C-alpha cells in the first residue's frame, strides 16, 4: 500500500536557499545565484513560493506583481517530481495568491525548445503572444512570450 504524499506550498525564506540553489543549478543552463535570490526576497514586488512534498523541497516559483500584471520569473520542479502535476499545482497557487493582490493578467517567457514548460503553461491557460529573438544569452535561443488573462 502506498502512502499519500503531503504537499504544502509556503513563501520562500532565506533558510530555504541552500536547497533552492541546488534545484536551480539542476534546472537551468543560466542559473540564478544565491545573491540574486536574496535580493528577490527583499524585493517588495516579488513573491516566491516553495513546493514541499513530504517535507522535502520539490519545486519553487516566483512572480513579480507590477500593478495589475504578474510576471512569472521562474518555475522549477525537481527532476524526481516532474510530469506528475506538481508544476501545475505550484503555478496555480502562484496565480491564485496574486489574484488576491489585484493581479488580473499574467505573463512569462519560455525557451522555444522547452517543451515540458510549454505544455505546463498551456495547461494553465497561457497562450503564445509573441517571440523575443535571441533572448537567452547561453545559446541565443528565442523565447516565447505567453499571457494568461484572469478567468
Protein backbone atom coordinates (compact mmCIF):
# COMPACT_ATOMS: atom_id res chain seq x y z
CA UNK A 1 0.00 0.00 0.00
CA UNK A 2 1.38 3.43 -0.97
CA UNK A 3 1.08 6.31 1.42
CA UNK A 4 -0.40 9.59 0.28
CA UNK A 5 2.13 12.37 -0.26
CA UNK A 6 1.81 15.52 1.85
CA UNK A 7 2.03 18.58 -0.39
CA UNK A 8 2.48 22.07 1.02
CA UNK A 9 3.30 25.45 -0.51
CA UNK A 10 4.97 28.13 1.60
CA UNK A 11 6.55 31.51 0.99
CA UNK A 12 10.27 31.18 0.30
CA UNK A 13 12.56 32.04 3.22
CA UNK A 14 16.32 32.64 3.43
CA UNK A 15 16.84 29.27 5.13
CA UNK A 16 15.35 27.55 2.02
CA UNK A 17 18.05 28.91 -0.29
CA UNK A 18 20.69 26.17 0.06
CA UNK A 19 18.27 23.62 -1.41
CA UNK A 20 16.76 26.12 -3.84
CA UNK A 21 20.21 26.83 -5.31
CA UNK A 22 20.82 23.09 -5.81
CA UNK A 23 17.49 22.82 -7.64
CA UNK A 24 18.20 25.99 -9.64
CA UNK A 25 21.52 24.58 -10.84
CA UNK A 26 19.89 21.29 -11.86
CA UNK A 27 17.09 23.05 -13.73
CA UNK A 28 18.59 25.91 -15.72
CA UNK A 29 21.55 26.46 -18.03
CA UNK A 30 21.82 30.05 -16.76
CA UNK A 31 21.03 29.58 -13.06
CA UNK A 32 20.39 32.40 -10.65
CA UNK A 33 22.93 32.93 -7.89
CA UNK A 34 22.22 32.87 -4.17
CA UNK A 35 22.67 36.65 -4.11
CA UNK A 36 20.00 37.05 -6.81
CA UNK A 37 17.52 35.08 -4.71
CA UNK A 38 18.45 37.03 -1.58
CA UNK A 39 17.77 40.29 -3.45
CA UNK A 40 14.46 38.95 -4.76
CA UNK A 41 13.34 38.06 -1.23
CA UNK A 42 13.85 41.75 -0.32
CA UNK A 43 12.02 42.98 -3.45
CA UNK A 44 8.59 44.33 -2.41
CA UNK A 45 7.16 43.43 -5.84
CA UNK A 46 8.34 39.80 -5.73
CA UNK A 47 6.59 36.74 -4.30
CA UNK A 48 8.48 33.44 -4.16
CA UNK A 49 6.93 30.13 -3.20
CA UNK A 50 8.36 26.74 -2.25
CA UNK A 51 6.57 23.48 -3.06
CA UNK A 52 7.17 20.77 -0.46
CA UNK A 53 6.43 17.06 -0.80
CA UNK A 54 6.72 15.10 2.43
CA UNK A 55 8.82 17.90 3.97
CA UNK A 56 11.28 17.92 1.01
CA UNK A 57 11.65 20.82 -1.43
CA UNK A 58 10.22 19.60 -4.70
CA UNK A 59 9.99 22.93 -6.52
CA UNK A 60 9.74 26.68 -6.36
CA UNK A 61 8.38 29.56 -8.35
CA UNK A 62 8.50 33.33 -8.39
CA UNK A 63 6.34 36.15 -9.65
CA UNK A 64 6.64 39.93 -9.75
CA UNK A 65 3.44 41.90 -9.13
CA UNK A 66 3.53 45.07 -11.21
CA UNK A 67 0.26 46.98 -10.96
CA UNK A 68 -2.35 44.52 -12.23
CA UNK A 69 0.14 42.27 -14.03
CA UNK A 70 2.00 39.26 -12.73
CA UNK A 71 5.30 38.39 -14.39
CA UNK A 72 6.33 34.79 -13.73
CA UNK A 73 10.09 34.97 -13.18
CA UNK A 74 10.85 31.29 -12.73
CA UNK A 75 9.34 27.89 -12.02
CA UNK A 76 11.42 24.82 -11.27
CA UNK A 77 10.41 21.32 -10.26
CA UNK A 78 12.96 18.78 -9.04
CA UNK A 79 13.55 16.09 -11.71
CA UNK A 80 12.24 13.39 -9.34
CA UNK A 81 8.88 15.18 -9.17
CA UNK A 82 8.33 16.22 -12.79
CA UNK A 83 5.44 15.10 -15.00
CA UNK A 84 3.10 14.29 -12.10
CA UNK A 85 1.19 17.59 -11.97
CA UNK A 86 3.16 19.42 -9.29
CA UNK A 87 4.21 22.22 -11.64
CA UNK A 88 0.56 22.94 -12.29
CA UNK A 89 -0.25 22.87 -8.56
CA UNK A 90 2.54 25.38 -7.89
CA UNK A 91 1.73 27.67 -10.82
CA UNK A 92 -1.99 27.76 -9.99
CA UNK A 93 -1.13 28.59 -6.38
CA UNK A 94 1.04 31.48 -7.55
CA UNK A 95 -1.77 32.75 -9.78
CA UNK A 96 -4.39 32.41 -7.03
CA UNK A 97 -2.23 34.24 -4.48
CA UNK A 98 -1.51 37.02 -6.98
CA UNK A 99 -5.19 37.46 -7.80
CA UNK A 100 -5.78 38.21 -4.10
CA UNK A 101 -3.43 41.18 -4.56
CA UNK A 102 -5.28 42.53 -7.61
CA UNK A 103 -3.39 40.89 -10.44
CA UNK A 104 -5.60 40.27 -13.48
CA UNK A 105 -3.12 39.20 -16.18
CA UNK A 106 -0.01 37.03 -16.14
CA UNK A 107 2.97 36.84 -18.47
CA UNK A 108 6.20 34.90 -18.82
CA UNK A 109 8.96 33.99 -21.24
CA UNK A 110 9.94 30.41 -22.01
CA UNK A 111 12.56 28.88 -24.27
CA UNK A 112 11.11 27.74 -27.60
CA UNK A 113 12.72 24.33 -27.04
CA UNK A 114 11.40 23.79 -23.50
CA UNK A 115 8.52 21.53 -24.46
CA UNK A 116 7.81 20.45 -20.89
CA UNK A 117 7.41 24.01 -19.64
CA UNK A 118 5.36 24.97 -22.70
CA UNK A 119 2.97 22.10 -22.01
CA UNK A 120 2.68 23.17 -18.37
CA UNK A 121 1.97 26.79 -19.22
CA UNK A 122 -0.60 25.87 -21.88
CA UNK A 123 -2.34 23.56 -19.39
CA UNK A 124 -2.63 26.56 -17.05
CA UNK A 125 -4.26 28.78 -19.68
CA UNK A 126 -1.22 30.66 -21.01
CA UNK A 127 -1.24 31.47 -24.72
CA UNK A 128 1.55 32.47 -27.07
CA UNK A 129 1.64 36.22 -27.69
CA UNK A 130 4.98 36.75 -29.40
CA UNK A 131 8.67 35.90 -29.69
CA UNK A 132 11.76 37.52 -28.19
CA UNK A 133 14.53 36.79 -30.69
CA UNK A 134 17.87 35.58 -29.32
CA UNK A 135 16.60 36.10 -25.74
CA UNK A 136 18.80 33.56 -23.96
CA UNK A 137 22.47 34.52 -23.75
CA UNK A 138 23.89 30.98 -23.46
CA UNK A 139 22.79 29.89 -26.95
CA UNK A 140 20.76 32.80 -28.40
CA UNK A 141 17.61 30.68 -28.26
CA UNK A 142 14.36 32.58 -28.81
CA UNK A 143 11.81 32.98 -26.04
CA UNK A 144 8.09 32.60 -26.47
CA UNK A 145 6.13 35.35 -24.70
CA UNK A 146 2.97 33.93 -23.14
CA UNK A 147 -0.02 35.64 -21.48
CA UNK A 148 -2.92 34.47 -19.37
CA UNK A 149 -5.92 36.67 -18.76
CA UNK A 150 -7.75 36.45 -15.45
CA UNK A 151 -10.57 33.93 -15.55
